[in-house]
């Protein structure tokens, strides 16, 4: 099993990638953008603080909650 290093991304970049996976913006709560996906019980809360990168632990949790792998997320970031 290989360990895939996740890129450092801003909240806007993470949202753009998750939208490619079928997540849609439901609402904003302050600086947090809430994403939902049909058929998915979970909601994702992505902080958007300018161009500040999302911390690695939070990014891993968002990927896990979105039910995608790190490799799939990296493909979404690249636009594949």
N, C-alpha and C. Protein backbone atom coordinates (compact mmCIF):
# COMPACT_ATOMS: atom_id res chain seq x y z
N UNK A 1 0.84 -1.17 0.00
CA UNK A 1 0.00 0.00 0.00
C UNK A 1 0.89 1.23 0.00
N UNK A 2 0.66 2.14 -0.94
CA UNK A 2 1.45 3.35 -1.00
C UNK A 2 0.71 4.49 -0.31
N UNK A 3 1.47 5.36 0.30
CA UNK A 3 0.89 6.52 0.97
C UNK A 3 0.92 7.68 -0.01
N UNK A 4 -0.24 8.25 -0.27
CA UNK A 4 -0.34 9.36 -1.19
C UNK A 4 -0.30 10.66 -0.41
N UNK A 5 0.64 11.52 -0.76
CA UNK A 5 0.76 12.81 -0.10
C UNK A 5 -0.29 13.76 -0.67
N UNK A 6 -1.08 14.33 0.23
CA UNK A 6 -2.13 15.24 -0.20
C UNK A 6 -1.55 16.63 -0.42
N UNK A 7 -2.05 17.34 -1.42
CA UNK A 7 -1.57 18.71 -1.67
C UNK A 7 -2.12 19.68 -0.64
N UNK A 8 -1.46 20.81 -0.48
CA UNK A 8 -1.95 21.89 0.38
C UNK A 8 -2.88 22.75 -0.48
N UNK A 9 -4.14 22.82 -0.10
CA UNK A 9 -5.14 23.52 -0.90
C UNK A 9 -5.92 24.50 -0.04
N UNK A 10 -6.38 25.58 -0.65
CA UNK A 10 -7.27 26.51 0.03
C UNK A 10 -8.67 25.91 0.08
N UNK A 11 -9.53 26.50 0.88
CA UNK A 11 -10.91 26.04 0.96
C UNK A 11 -11.61 26.08 -0.38
N UNK A 12 -11.36 27.15 -1.16
CA UNK A 12 -12.00 27.28 -2.48
C UNK A 12 -11.55 26.15 -3.42
N UNK A 13 -10.27 25.77 -3.35
CA UNK A 13 -9.76 24.69 -4.20
C UNK A 13 -10.36 23.35 -3.79
N UNK A 14 -10.53 23.14 -2.49
CA UNK A 14 -11.14 21.90 -2.00
C UNK A 14 -12.60 21.83 -2.47
N UNK A 15 -13.33 22.93 -2.37
CA UNK A 15 -14.72 22.96 -2.82
C UNK A 15 -14.81 22.67 -4.31
N UNK A 16 -13.94 23.29 -5.10
CA UNK A 16 -13.94 23.06 -6.56
C UNK A 16 -13.75 21.57 -6.86
N UNK A 17 -12.85 20.93 -6.14
CA UNK A 17 -12.58 19.51 -6.37
C UNK A 17 -13.76 18.64 -5.95
N UNK A 18 -14.37 18.96 -4.80
CA UNK A 18 -15.51 18.17 -4.34
C UNK A 18 -16.72 18.35 -5.25
N UNK A 19 -16.87 19.52 -5.84
CA UNK A 19 -17.98 19.73 -6.79
C UNK A 19 -17.83 18.82 -8.00
N UNK A 20 -16.60 18.55 -8.39
CA UNK A 20 -16.37 17.60 -9.50
C UNK A 20 -16.82 16.19 -9.14
N UNK A 21 -16.87 15.90 -7.83
CA UNK A 21 -17.31 14.58 -7.36
C UNK A 21 -18.81 14.53 -7.11
N UNK A 22 -19.53 15.61 -7.46
CA UNK A 22 -20.98 15.60 -7.32
C UNK A 22 -21.53 16.33 -6.12
N UNK A 23 -20.68 16.92 -5.30
CA UNK A 23 -21.14 17.69 -4.14
C UNK A 23 -21.58 19.07 -4.62
N UNK A 24 -22.63 19.61 -4.00
CA UNK A 24 -23.13 20.93 -4.37
C UNK A 24 -23.19 21.81 -3.12
N UNK A 25 -23.02 23.11 -3.34
CA UNK A 25 -23.08 24.06 -2.24
C UNK A 25 -24.53 24.20 -1.78
N UNK A 26 -24.77 23.94 -0.51
CA UNK A 26 -26.12 24.04 0.05
C UNK A 26 -26.32 25.42 0.66
N UNK A 27 -25.33 25.88 1.45
CA UNK A 27 -25.45 27.17 2.12
C UNK A 27 -24.08 27.58 2.66
N UNK A 28 -24.01 28.84 3.09
CA UNK A 28 -22.84 29.36 3.78
C UNK A 28 -23.25 29.67 5.21
N UNK A 29 -22.37 29.34 6.12
CA UNK A 29 -22.57 29.70 7.52
C UNK A 29 -21.31 30.43 7.95
N UNK A 30 -21.34 31.74 7.82
CA UNK A 30 -20.15 32.53 8.10
C UNK A 30 -19.10 32.24 7.04
N UNK A 31 -17.92 31.82 7.47
CA UNK A 31 -16.85 31.52 6.52
C UNK A 31 -16.82 30.05 6.13
N UNK A 32 -17.81 29.27 6.55
CA UNK A 32 -17.86 27.85 6.23
C UNK A 32 -18.90 27.60 5.15
N UNK A 33 -18.51 26.85 4.16
CA UNK A 33 -19.40 26.48 3.05
C UNK A 33 -19.85 25.05 3.30
N UNK A 34 -21.16 24.84 3.28
CA UNK A 34 -21.74 23.54 3.56
C UNK A 34 -22.11 22.88 2.24
N UNK A 35 -21.55 21.69 2.00
CA UNK A 35 -21.80 20.95 0.77
C UNK A 35 -22.63 19.71 1.06
N UNK A 36 -23.52 19.39 0.13
CA UNK A 36 -24.35 18.19 0.25
C UNK A 36 -24.28 17.41 -1.06
N UNK A 37 -24.65 16.14 -0.99
CA UNK A 37 -24.74 15.32 -2.20
C UNK A 37 -25.93 14.41 -2.05
N UNK A 38 -26.72 14.32 -3.11
CA UNK A 38 -27.92 13.49 -3.09
C UNK A 38 -27.53 12.05 -2.81
N UNK A 39 -28.29 11.42 -1.91
CA UNK A 39 -28.04 10.04 -1.56
C UNK A 39 -26.96 9.88 -0.50
N UNK A 40 -26.43 10.96 -0.01
CA UNK A 40 -25.36 10.94 1.00
C UNK A 40 -25.92 11.55 2.28
N UNK A 41 -25.80 10.85 3.38
CA UNK A 41 -26.33 11.35 4.65
C UNK A 41 -25.44 12.47 5.22
N UNK A 42 -24.17 12.42 4.93
CA UNK A 42 -23.23 13.38 5.49
C UNK A 42 -23.29 14.72 4.77
N UNK A 43 -22.95 15.78 5.49
CA UNK A 43 -22.72 17.08 4.89
C UNK A 43 -21.26 17.43 5.15
N UNK A 44 -20.67 18.23 4.28
CA UNK A 44 -19.28 18.62 4.44
C UNK A 44 -19.22 20.11 4.73
N UNK A 45 -18.48 20.49 5.74
CA UNK A 45 -18.31 21.88 6.10
C UNK A 45 -16.86 22.28 5.81
N UNK A 46 -16.68 23.12 4.79
CA UNK A 46 -15.34 23.50 4.35
C UNK A 46 -15.10 24.97 4.71
N UNK A 47 -14.09 25.24 5.55
CA UNK A 47 -13.80 26.63 5.88
C UNK A 47 -13.11 27.34 4.71
N UNK A 48 -13.52 28.57 4.45
CA UNK A 48 -12.89 29.37 3.40
C UNK A 48 -12.39 30.65 4.06
N UNK A 49 -11.10 30.71 4.30
CA UNK A 49 -10.47 31.86 4.93
C UNK A 49 -9.45 32.43 3.96
N UNK A 50 -9.92 33.08 2.92
CA UNK A 50 -9.02 33.65 1.91
C UNK A 50 -8.27 32.53 1.20
N UNK A 51 -6.97 32.69 1.08
CA UNK A 51 -6.14 31.68 0.42
C UNK A 51 -5.41 30.80 1.42
N UNK A 52 -5.82 30.85 2.69
CA UNK A 52 -5.16 30.03 3.71
C UNK A 52 -5.44 28.55 3.45
N UNK A 53 -4.41 27.72 3.48
CA UNK A 53 -4.64 26.29 3.19
C UNK A 53 -5.40 25.57 4.31
N UNK A 54 -6.14 24.56 3.89
CA UNK A 54 -6.83 23.68 4.83
C UNK A 54 -5.78 22.83 5.52
N UNK A 55 -5.90 22.63 6.81
CA UNK A 55 -4.93 21.80 7.54
C UNK A 55 -5.07 20.34 7.11
N UNK A 56 -3.96 19.61 7.12
CA UNK A 56 -3.98 18.22 6.61
C UNK A 56 -5.00 17.31 7.29
N UNK A 57 -5.16 17.41 8.60
CA UNK A 57 -6.11 16.55 9.29
C UNK A 57 -7.54 16.80 8.86
N UNK A 58 -7.88 18.06 8.68
CA UNK A 58 -9.23 18.40 8.22
C UNK A 58 -9.46 17.93 6.80
N UNK A 59 -8.45 18.09 5.95
CA UNK A 59 -8.58 17.64 4.56
C UNK A 59 -8.80 16.13 4.51
N UNK A 60 -8.07 15.38 5.32
CA UNK A 60 -8.24 13.92 5.37
C UNK A 60 -9.65 13.55 5.82
N UNK A 61 -10.18 14.30 6.82
CA UNK A 61 -11.53 14.01 7.31
C UNK A 61 -12.57 14.32 6.24
N UNK A 62 -12.39 15.43 5.52
CA UNK A 62 -13.33 15.79 4.46
C UNK A 62 -13.34 14.72 3.37
N UNK A 63 -12.16 14.23 3.01
CA UNK A 63 -12.06 13.19 1.98
C UNK A 63 -12.74 11.91 2.46
N UNK A 64 -12.48 11.54 3.70
CA UNK A 64 -13.09 10.32 4.26
C UNK A 64 -14.62 10.47 4.32
N UNK A 65 -15.11 11.63 4.79
CA UNK A 65 -16.55 11.84 4.89
C UNK A 65 -17.22 11.89 3.51
N UNK A 66 -16.47 12.31 2.49
CA UNK A 66 -17.01 12.35 1.12
C UNK A 66 -17.04 10.95 0.50
N UNK A 67 -16.50 9.97 1.20
CA UNK A 67 -16.47 8.57 0.74
C UNK A 67 -15.68 8.41 -0.56
N UNK A 68 -14.53 9.10 -0.63
CA UNK A 68 -13.61 8.93 -1.76
C UNK A 68 -12.23 8.65 -1.20
N UNK A 69 -11.36 8.10 -2.04
CA UNK A 69 -10.00 7.82 -1.61
C UNK A 69 -9.11 9.04 -1.86
N UNK A 70 -7.94 9.03 -1.25
CA UNK A 70 -6.98 10.11 -1.48
C UNK A 70 -6.62 10.21 -2.95
N UNK A 71 -6.46 9.06 -3.60
CA UNK A 71 -6.10 9.04 -5.02
C UNK A 71 -7.20 9.64 -5.87
N UNK A 72 -8.46 9.30 -5.55
CA UNK A 72 -9.59 9.86 -6.28
C UNK A 72 -9.65 11.38 -6.08
N UNK A 73 -9.37 11.84 -4.86
CA UNK A 73 -9.40 13.27 -4.59
C UNK A 73 -8.31 13.99 -5.39
N UNK A 74 -7.12 13.42 -5.44
CA UNK A 74 -6.04 14.04 -6.21
C UNK A 74 -6.41 14.12 -7.68
N UNK A 75 -7.06 13.08 -8.20
CA UNK A 75 -7.53 13.13 -9.60
C UNK A 75 -8.54 14.26 -9.78
N UNK A 76 -9.41 14.47 -8.79
CA UNK A 76 -10.38 15.57 -8.88
C UNK A 76 -9.69 16.93 -8.85
N UNK A 77 -8.65 17.04 -8.05
CA UNK A 77 -7.88 18.30 -7.97
C UNK A 77 -7.26 18.59 -9.33
N UNK A 78 -6.72 17.57 -9.96
CA UNK A 78 -6.08 17.73 -11.28
C UNK A 78 -7.10 17.94 -12.39
N UNK A 79 -8.35 17.58 -12.12
CA UNK A 79 -9.39 17.73 -13.14
C UNK A 79 -9.50 16.54 -14.06
N UNK A 80 -8.96 15.38 -13.63
CA UNK A 80 -9.00 14.16 -14.45
C UNK A 80 -10.40 13.56 -14.45
